[in-house]
Amino acid sequence: MGFWQAVTATQWYILGRKHFTATGWERAQRSSAYRSQLEAADLAGKTYMVTGANSGIGREVAETIATRGGSVYMVCRDRTR
């Protein structure tokens, strides 16, 4: 690994630890800027396609869109789930 590759990898690691972990998510969740934008979103009359909507993040996204009035097409590998 070259010098610049090591620097880039280190920067990505630090950024990932700060923003893409449970702690980073909790910090962003407490931020009023993100919360007000999400709560103010009006999805009525819009159509969305969500992949992986039978579990995990995809399911939460599909449920949130549906509760806010949006139409959801759920794309899943297993129809029964």
PDB file of N, CA and C in Angstrom:
ATOM      1  N   MET A   1       0.856  -1.172   0.000  1.00  0.00           N
ATOM      2  CA  MET A   1       0.000   0.000   0.000  1.00  0.00           C
ATOM      3  C   MET A   1       0.902   1.234   0.000  1.00  0.00           C
ATOM      4  N   GLY A   2       0.608   2.146  -0.913  1.00  0.00           N
ATOM      5  CA  GLY A   2       1.383   3.370  -1.008  1.00  0.00           C
ATOM      6  C   GLY A   2       1.025   4.358   0.091  1.00  0.00           C
ATOM      7  N   PHE A   3       1.818   5.408   0.163  1.00  0.00           N
ATOM      8  CA  PHE A   3       1.627   6.415   1.205  1.00  0.00           C
ATOM      9  C   PHE A   3       0.237   7.054   1.111  1.00  0.00           C
ATOM     10  N   TRP A   4      -0.150   7.513  -0.095  1.00  0.00           N
ATOM     11  CA  TRP A   4      -1.424   8.209  -0.237  1.00  0.00           C
ATOM     12  C   TRP A   4      -2.610   7.274  -0.038  1.00  0.00           C
ATOM     13  N   GLN A   5      -2.428   6.004  -0.399  1.00  0.00           N
ATOM     14  CA  GLN A   5      -3.493   5.044  -0.141  1.00  0.00           C
ATOM     15  C   GLN A   5      -3.699   4.863   1.363  1.00  0.00           C
ATOM     16  N   ALA A   6      -2.609   4.832   2.104  1.00  0.00           N
ATOM     17  CA  ALA A   6      -2.694   4.691   3.558  1.00  0.00           C
ATOM     18  C   ALA A   6      -3.365   5.921   4.175  1.00  0.00           C
ATOM     19  N   VAL A   7      -3.018   7.099   3.681  1.00  0.00           N
ATOM     20  CA  VAL A   7      -3.628   8.335   4.192  1.00  0.00           C
ATOM     21  C   VAL A   7      -5.130   8.333   3.905  1.00  0.00           C
ATOM     22  N   THR A   8      -5.491   7.984   2.680  1.00  0.00           N
ATOM     23  CA  THR A   8      -6.904   7.954   2.300  1.00  0.00           C
ATOM     24  C   THR A   8      -7.674   6.924   3.125  1.00  0.00           C
ATOM     25  N   ALA A   9      -7.103   5.756   3.304  1.00  0.00           N
ATOM     26  CA  ALA A   9      -7.753   4.710   4.091  1.00  0.00           C
ATOM     27  C   ALA A   9      -7.941   5.157   5.537  1.00  0.00           C
ATOM     28  N   THR A  10      -6.950   5.833   6.088  1.00  0.00           N
ATOM     29  CA  THR A  10      -7.046   6.330   7.460  1.00  0.00           C
ATOM     30  C   THR A  10      -8.137   7.389   7.581  1.00  0.00           C
ATOM     31  N   GLN A  11      -8.193   8.295   6.615  1.00  0.00           N
ATOM     32  CA  GLN A  11      -9.231   9.327   6.635  1.00  0.00           C
ATOM     33  C   GLN A  11     -10.620   8.705   6.556  1.00  0.00           C
ATOM     34  N   TRP A  12     -10.789   7.712   5.684  1.00  0.00           N
ATOM     35  CA  TRP A  12     -12.086   7.049   5.554  1.00  0.00           C
ATOM     36  C   TRP A  12     -12.447   6.333   6.846  1.00  0.00           C
ATOM     37  N   TYR A  13     -11.480   5.689   7.488  1.00  0.00           N
ATOM     38  CA  TYR A  13     -11.726   4.990   8.746  1.00  0.00           C
ATOM     39  C   TYR A  13     -12.214   5.968   9.818  1.00  0.00           C
ATOM     40  N   ILE A  14     -11.543   7.103   9.935  1.00  0.00           N
ATOM     41  CA  ILE A  14     -11.927   8.098  10.948  1.00  0.00           C
ATOM     42  C   ILE A  14     -13.313   8.659  10.645  1.00  0.00           C
ATOM     43  N   LEU A  15     -13.578   8.978   9.382  1.00  0.00           N
ATOM     44  CA  LEU A  15     -14.900   9.477   8.995  1.00  0.00           C
ATOM     45  C   LEU A  15     -15.970   8.430   9.288  1.00  0.00           C
ATOM     46  N   GLY A  16     -15.702   7.181   8.955  1.00  0.00           N
ATOM     47  CA  GLY A  16     -16.657   6.112   9.198  1.00  0.00           C
ATOM     48  C   GLY A  16     -16.936   5.910  10.673  1.00  0.00           C
ATOM     49  N   ARG A  17     -15.905   5.960  11.503  1.00  0.00           N
ATOM     50  CA  ARG A  17     -16.096   5.801  12.951  1.00  0.00           C
ATOM     51  C   ARG A  17     -16.945   6.939  13.515  1.00  0.00           C
ATOM     52  N   LYS A  18     -16.800   8.129  12.932  1.00  0.00           N
ATOM     53  CA  LYS A  18     -17.520   9.293  13.456  1.00  0.00           C
ATOM     54  C   LYS A  18     -18.989   9.311  13.018  1.00  0.00           C
ATOM     55  N   HIS A  19     -19.264   8.916  11.779  1.00  0.00           N
ATOM     56  CA  HIS A  19     -20.603   9.103  11.224  1.00  0.00           C
ATOM     57  C   HIS A  19     -21.400   7.818  11.004  1.00  0.00           C
ATOM     58  N   PHE A  20     -20.746   6.698  10.790  1.00  0.00           N
ATOM     59  CA  PHE A  20     -21.458   5.492  10.363  1.00  0.00           C
ATOM     60  C   PHE A  20     -21.456   4.394  11.423  1.00  0.00           C
ATOM     61  N   THR A  21     -21.496   4.754  12.665  1.00  0.00           N
ATOM     62  CA  THR A  21     -21.597   3.797  13.761  1.00  0.00           C
ATOM     63  C   THR A  21     -22.855   4.121  14.558  1.00  0.00           C
ATOM     64  N   ALA A  22     -23.157   3.300  15.534  1.00  0.00           N
ATOM     65  CA  ALA A  22     -24.340   3.546  16.367  1.00  0.00           C
ATOM     66  C   ALA A  22     -24.243   4.902  17.063  1.00  0.00           C
ATOM     67  N   THR A  23     -23.051   5.258  17.507  1.00  0.00           N
ATOM     68  CA  THR A  23     -22.868   6.547  18.184  1.00  0.00           C
ATOM     69  C   THR A  23     -23.134   7.710  17.235  1.00  0.00           C
ATOM     70  N   GLY A  24     -22.631   7.608  16.014  1.00  0.00           N
ATOM     71  CA  GLY A  24     -22.874   8.655  15.025  1.00  0.00           C
ATOM     72  C   GLY A  24     -24.343   8.794  14.691  1.00  0.00           C
ATOM     73  N   TRP A  25     -25.044   7.656  14.596  1.00  0.00           N
ATOM     74  CA  TRP A  25     -26.478   7.689  14.321  1.00  0.00           C
ATOM     75  C   TRP A  25     -27.238   8.354  15.453  1.00  0.00           C
ATOM     76  N   GLU A  26     -26.888   8.019  16.684  1.00  0.00           N
ATOM     77  CA  GLU A  26     -27.564   8.616  17.835  1.00  0.00           C
ATOM     78  C   GLU A  26     -27.336  10.121  17.881  1.00  0.00           C
ATOM     79  N   ARG A  27     -26.135  10.558  17.565  1.00  0.00           N
ATOM     80  CA  ARG A  27     -25.826  11.987  17.549  1.00  0.00           C
ATOM     81  C   ARG A  27     -26.652  12.697  16.476  1.00  0.00           C
ATOM     82  N   ALA A  28     -26.757  12.106  15.294  1.00  0.00           N
ATOM     83  CA  ALA A  28     -27.536  12.712  14.219  1.00  0.00           C
ATOM     84  C   ALA A  28     -29.018  12.722  14.550  1.00  0.00           C
ATOM     85  N   GLN A  29     -29.470  11.682  15.224  1.00  0.00           N
ATOM     86  CA  GLN A  29     -30.880  11.593  15.597  1.00  0.00           C
ATOM     87  C   GLN A  29     -31.278  12.692  16.577  1.00  0.00           C
ATOM     88  N   ARG A  30     -30.367  13.061  17.454  1.00  0.00           N
ATOM     89  CA  ARG A  30     -30.654  14.114  18.433  1.00  0.00           C
ATOM     90  C   ARG A  30     -30.637  15.504  17.808  1.00  0.00           C
ATOM     91  N   SER A  31     -30.028  15.622  16.648  1.00  0.00           N
ATOM     92  CA  SER A  31     -29.926  16.916  15.987  1.00  0.00           C
ATOM     93  C   SER A  31     -31.301  17.389  15.532  1.00  0.00           C
ATOM     94  N   SER A  32     -31.682  18.558  15.922  1.00  0.00           N
ATOM     95  CA  SER A  32     -33.005  19.085  15.567  1.00  0.00           C
ATOM     96  C   SER A  32     -33.108  19.392  14.078  1.00  0.00           C
ATOM     97  N   ALA A  33     -31.998  19.676  13.419  1.00  0.00           N
ATOM     98  CA  ALA A  33     -32.031  19.984  11.988  1.00  0.00           C
ATOM     99  C   ALA A  33     -32.522  18.787  11.186  1.00  0.00           C
ATOM    100  N   TYR A  34     -32.003  17.612  11.471  1.00  0.00           N
ATOM    101  CA  TYR A  34     -32.424  16.414  10.746  1.00  0.00           C
ATOM    102  C   TYR A  34     -33.866  16.065  11.089  1.00  0.00           C
ATOM    103  N   ARG A  35     -34.197  16.113  12.344  1.00  0.00           N
ATOM    104  CA  ARG A  35     -35.535  15.724  12.786  1.00  0.00           C
ATOM    105  C   ARG A  35     -36.600  16.616  12.173  1.00  0.00           C
ATOM    106  N   SER A  36     -36.392  17.920  12.150  1.00  0.00           N
ATOM    107  CA  SER A  36     -37.413  18.825  11.611  1.00  0.00           C
ATOM    108  C   SER A  36     -37.595  18.609  10.115  1.00  0.00           C
ATOM    109  N   GLN A  37     -36.529  18.311   9.391  1.00  0.00           N
ATOM    110  CA  GLN A  37     -36.645  18.055   7.956  1.00  0.00           C
ATOM    111  C   GLN A  37     -37.432  16.775   7.701  1.00  0.00           C
ATOM    112  N   LEU A  38     -37.166  15.748   8.474  1.00  0.00           N
ATOM    113  CA  LEU A  38     -37.864  14.476   8.283  1.00  0.00           C
ATOM    114  C   LEU A  38     -39.322  14.565   8.674  1.00  0.00           C
ATOM    115  N   GLU A  39     -39.616  15.240   9.767  1.00  0.00           N
ATOM    116  CA  GLU A  39     -40.995  15.344  10.227  1.00  0.00           C
ATOM    117  C   GLU A  39     -41.839  16.241   9.326  1.00  0.00           C
ATOM    118  N   ALA A  40     -41.218  17.177   8.639  1.00  0.00           N
ATOM    119  CA  ALA A  40     -41.944  18.112   7.792  1.00  0.00           C
ATOM    120  C   ALA A  40     -42.170  17.567   6.384  1.00  0.00           C
ATOM    121  N   ALA A  41     -41.585  16.425   6.057  1.00  0.00           N
ATOM    122  CA  ALA A  41     -41.693  15.879   4.701  1.00  0.00           C
ATOM    123  C   ALA A  41     -43.124  15.468   4.385  1.00  0.00           C
ATOM    124  N   ASP A  42     -43.661  15.980   3.273  1.00  0.00           N
ATOM    125  CA  ASP A  42     -44.991  15.616   2.819  1.00  0.00           C
ATOM    126  C   ASP A  42     -44.838  14.720   1.598  1.00  0.00           C
ATOM    127  N   LEU A  43     -45.212  13.469   1.715  1.00  0.00           N
ATOM    128  CA  LEU A  43     -45.004  12.505   0.643  1.00  0.00           C
ATOM    129  C   LEU A  43     -46.299  12.144  -0.080  1.00  0.00           C
ATOM    130  N   ALA A  44     -47.383  12.817   0.245  1.00  0.00           N
ATOM    131  CA  ALA A  44     -48.683  12.521  -0.355  1.00  0.00           C
ATOM    132  C   ALA A  44     -48.634  12.741  -1.862  1.00  0.00           C
ATOM    133  N   GLY A  45     -49.206  11.787  -2.601  1.00  0.00           N
ATOM    134  CA  GLY A  45     -49.273  11.919  -4.053  1.00  0.00           C
ATOM    135  C   GLY A  45     -48.012  11.511  -4.777  1.00  0.00           C
ATOM    136  N   LYS A  46     -46.999  11.048  -4.065  1.00  0.00           N
ATOM    137  CA  LYS A  46     -45.748  10.624  -4.693  1.00  0.00           C
ATOM    138  C   LYS A  46     -45.628   9.110  -4.620  1.00  0.00           C
ATOM    139  N   THR A  47     -44.892   8.532  -5.563  1.00  0.00           N
ATOM    140  CA  THR A  47     -44.723   7.086  -5.628  1.00  0.00           C
ATOM    141  C   THR A  47     -43.250   6.750  -5.455  1.00  0.00           C
ATOM    142  N   TYR A  48     -42.977   5.725  -4.643  1.00  0.00           N
ATOM    143  CA  TYR A  48     -41.607   5.310  -4.342  1.00  0.00           C
ATOM    144  C   TYR A  48     -41.467   3.810  -4.541  1.00  0.00           C
ATOM    145  N   MET A  49     -40.283   3.375  -4.952  1.00  0.00           N
ATOM    146  CA  MET A  49     -39.960   1.963  -5.038  1.00  0.00           C
ATOM    147  C   MET A  49     -38.832   1.706  -4.043  1.00  0.00           C
ATOM    148  N   VAL A  50     -39.066   0.772  -3.111  1.00  0.00           N
ATOM    149  CA  VAL A  50     -38.096   0.478  -2.056  1.00  0.00           C
ATOM    150  C   VAL A  50     -37.619  -0.960  -2.227  1.00  0.00           C
ATOM    151  N   THR A  51     -36.317  -1.131  -2.379  1.00  0.00           N
ATOM    152  CA  THR A  51     -35.759  -2.476  -2.480  1.00  0.00           C
ATOM    153  C   THR A  51     -35.466  -3.010  -1.083  1.00  0.00           C
ATOM    154  N   GLY A  52     -35.584  -4.307  -0.922  1.00  0.00           N
ATOM    155  CA  GLY A  52     -35.334  -4.921   0.378  1.00  0.00           C
ATOM    156  C   GLY A  52     -36.349  -4.511   1.417  1.00  0.00           C
ATOM    157  N   ALA A  53     -37.583  -4.320   0.999  1.00  0.00           N
ATOM    158  CA  ALA A  53     -38.603  -3.757   1.886  1.00  0.00           C
ATOM    159  C   ALA A  53     -39.258  -4.786   2.803  1.00  0.00           C
ATOM    160  N   ASN A  54     -38.792  -6.026   2.786  1.00  0.00           N
ATOM    161  CA  ASN A  54     -39.405  -7.028   3.651  1.00  0.00           C
ATOM    162  C   ASN A  54     -38.760  -7.103   5.027  1.00  0.00           C
ATOM    163  N   SER A  55     -37.633  -6.418   5.235  1.00  0.00           N
ATOM    164  CA  SER A  55     -36.993  -6.423   6.557  1.00  0.00           C
ATOM    165  C   SER A  55     -35.977  -5.284   6.653  1.00  0.00           C
ATOM    166  N   GLY A  56     -35.570  -5.006   7.859  1.00  0.00           N
ATOM    167  CA  GLY A  56     -34.489  -4.043   8.111  1.00  0.00           C
ATOM    168  C   GLY A  56     -34.822  -2.614   7.722  1.00  0.00           C
ATOM    169  N   ILE A  57     -33.820  -1.947   7.184  1.00  0.00           N
ATOM    170  CA  ILE A  57     -33.953  -0.533   6.826  1.00  0.00           C
ATOM    171  C   ILE A  57     -34.994  -0.340   5.735  1.00  0.00           C
ATOM    172  N   GLY A  58     -35.013  -1.249   4.752  1.00  0.00           N
ATOM    173  CA  GLY A  58     -35.988  -1.145   3.678  1.00  0.00           C
ATOM    174  C   GLY A  58     -37.416  -1.167   4.185  1.00  0.00           C
ATOM    175  N   ARG A  59     -37.678  -2.020   5.166  1.00  0.00           N
ATOM    176  CA  ARG A  59     -39.026  -2.097   5.743  1.00  0.00           C
ATOM    177  C   ARG A  59     -39.387  -0.810   6.469  1.00  0.00           C
ATOM    178  N   GLU A  60     -38.450  -0.276   7.249  1.00  0.00           N
ATOM    179  CA  GLU A  60     -38.706   0.978   7.969  1.00  0.00           C
ATOM    180  C   GLU A  60     -38.967   2.124   7.002  1.00  0.00           C
ATOM    181  N   VAL A  61     -38.204   2.171   5.918  1.00  0.00           N
ATOM    182  CA  VAL A  61     -38.396   3.224   4.922  1.00  0.00           C
ATOM    183  C   VAL A  61     -39.771   3.090   4.284  1.00  0.00           C
ATOM    184  N   ALA A  62     -40.147   1.868   3.903  1.00  0.00           N
ATOM    185  CA  ALA A  62     -41.455   1.643   3.283  1.00  0.00           C
ATOM    186  C   ALA A  62     -42.590   2.032   4.226  1.00  0.00           C
ATOM    187  N   GLU A  63     -42.481   1.656   5.493  1.00  0.00           N
ATOM    188  CA  GLU A  63     -43.518   2.007   6.462  1.00  0.00           C
ATOM    189  C   GLU A  63     -43.615   3.514   6.667  1.00  0.00           C
ATOM    190  N   THR A  64     -42.474   4.176   6.740  1.00  0.00           N
ATOM    191  CA  THR A  64     -42.463   5.633   6.933  1.00  0.00           C
ATOM    192  C   THR A  64     -43.102   6.345   5.752  1.00  0.00           C
ATOM    193  N   ILE A  65     -42.752   5.926   4.544  1.00  0.00           N
ATOM    194  CA  ILE A  65     -43.340   6.538   3.347  1.00  0.00           C
ATOM    195  C   ILE A  65     -44.851   6.335   3.340  1.00  0.00           C
ATOM    196  N   ALA A  66     -45.278   5.117   3.662  1.00  0.00           N
ATOM    197  CA  ALA A  66     -46.711   4.815   3.652  1.00  0.00           C
ATOM    198  C   ALA A  66     -47.468   5.633   4.697  1.00  0.00           C
ATOM    199  N   THR A  67     -46.899   5.802   5.888  1.00  0.00           N
ATOM    200  CA  THR A  67     -47.589   6.569   6.928  1.00  0.00           C
ATOM    201  C   THR A  67     -47.649   8.055   6.601  1.00  0.00           C
ATOM    202  N   ARG A  68     -46.788   8.513   5.719  1.00  0.00           N
ATOM    203  CA  ARG A  68     -46.794   9.928   5.328  1.00  0.00           C
ATOM    204  C   ARG A  68     -47.562  10.167   4.038  1.00  0.00           C
ATOM    205  N   GLY A  69     -48.297   9.159   3.594  1.00  0.00           N
ATOM    206  CA  GLY A  69     -49.189   9.350   2.456  1.00  0.00           C
ATOM    207  C   GLY A  69     -48.628   8.970   1.107  1.00  0.00           C
ATOM    208  N   GLY A  70     -47.417   8.491   1.028  1.00  0.00           N
ATOM    209  CA  GLY A  70     -46.831   8.114  -0.246  1.00  0.00           C
ATOM    210  C   GLY A  70     -47.227   6.708  -0.660  1.00  0.00           C
ATOM    211  N   SER A  71     -47.205   6.458  -1.955  1.00  0.00           N
ATOM    212  CA  SER A  71     -47.447   5.113  -2.476  1.00  0.00           C
ATOM    213  C   SER A  71     -46.113   4.380  -2.545  1.00  0.00           C
ATOM    214  N   VAL A  72     -46.112   3.103  -2.142  1.00  0.00           N
ATOM    215  CA  VAL A  72     -44.865   2.351  -2.059  1.00  0.00           C
ATOM    216  C   VAL A  72     -44.966   1.073  -2.873  1.00  0.00           C
ATOM    217  N   TYR A  73     -43.989   0.853  -3.753  1.00  0.00           N
ATOM    218  CA  TYR A  73     -43.800  -0.431  -4.408  1.00  0.00           C
ATOM    219  C   TYR A  73     -42.660  -1.115  -3.679  1.00  0.00           C
ATOM    220  N   MET A  74     -42.968  -2.267  -3.090  1.00  0.00           N
ATOM    221  CA  MET A  74     -41.973  -2.998  -2.310  1.00  0.00           C
ATOM    222  C   MET A  74     -41.324  -4.061  -3.197  1.00  0.00           C
ATOM    223  N   VAL A  75     -40.011  -3.973  -3.368  1.00  0.00           N
ATOM    224  CA  VAL A  75     -39.266  -4.927  -4.178  1.00  0.00           C
ATOM    225  C   VAL A  75     -38.504  -5.837  -3.232  1.00  0.00           C
ATOM    226  N   CYS A  76     -38.893  -7.126  -3.217  1.00  0.00           N
ATOM    227  CA  CYS A  76     -38.296  -8.092  -2.297  1.00  0.00           C
ATOM    228  C   CYS A  76     -37.937  -9.367  -3.056  1.00  0.00           C
ATOM    229  N   ARG A  77     -36.975 -10.100  -2.538  1.00  0.00           N
ATOM    230  CA  ARG A  77     -36.610 -11.377  -3.146  1.00  0.00           C
ATOM    231  C   ARG A  77     -37.620 -12.475  -2.818  1.00  0.00           C
ATOM    232  N   ASP A  78     -38.226 -12.408  -1.651  1.00  0.00           N
ATOM    233  CA  ASP A  78     -39.127 -13.451  -1.202  1.00  0.00           C
ATOM    234  C   ASP A  78     -40.532 -12.867  -1.057  1.00  0.00           C
ATOM    235  N   ARG A  79     -41.435 -13.268  -1.942  1.00  0.00           N
ATOM    236  CA  ARG A  79     -42.793 -12.719  -1.964  1.00  0.00           C
ATOM    237  C   ARG A  79     -43.560 -13.016  -0.663  1.00  0.00           C
ATOM    238  N   THR A  80     -43.319 -14.173  -0.056  1.00  0.00           N
ATOM    239  CA  THR A  80     -44.067 -14.545   1.144  1.00  0.00           C
ATOM    240  C   THR A  80     -43.681 -13.711   2.361  1.00  0.00           C
ATOM    241  N   ARG A  81     -42.474 -13.203   2.410  1.00  0.00           N
ATOM    242  CA  ARG A  81     -42.040 -12.393   3.542  1.00  0.00           C
ATOM    243  C   ARG A  81     -42.564 -10.992   3.399  1.00  0.00           C
TER     244      ARG A  81
END
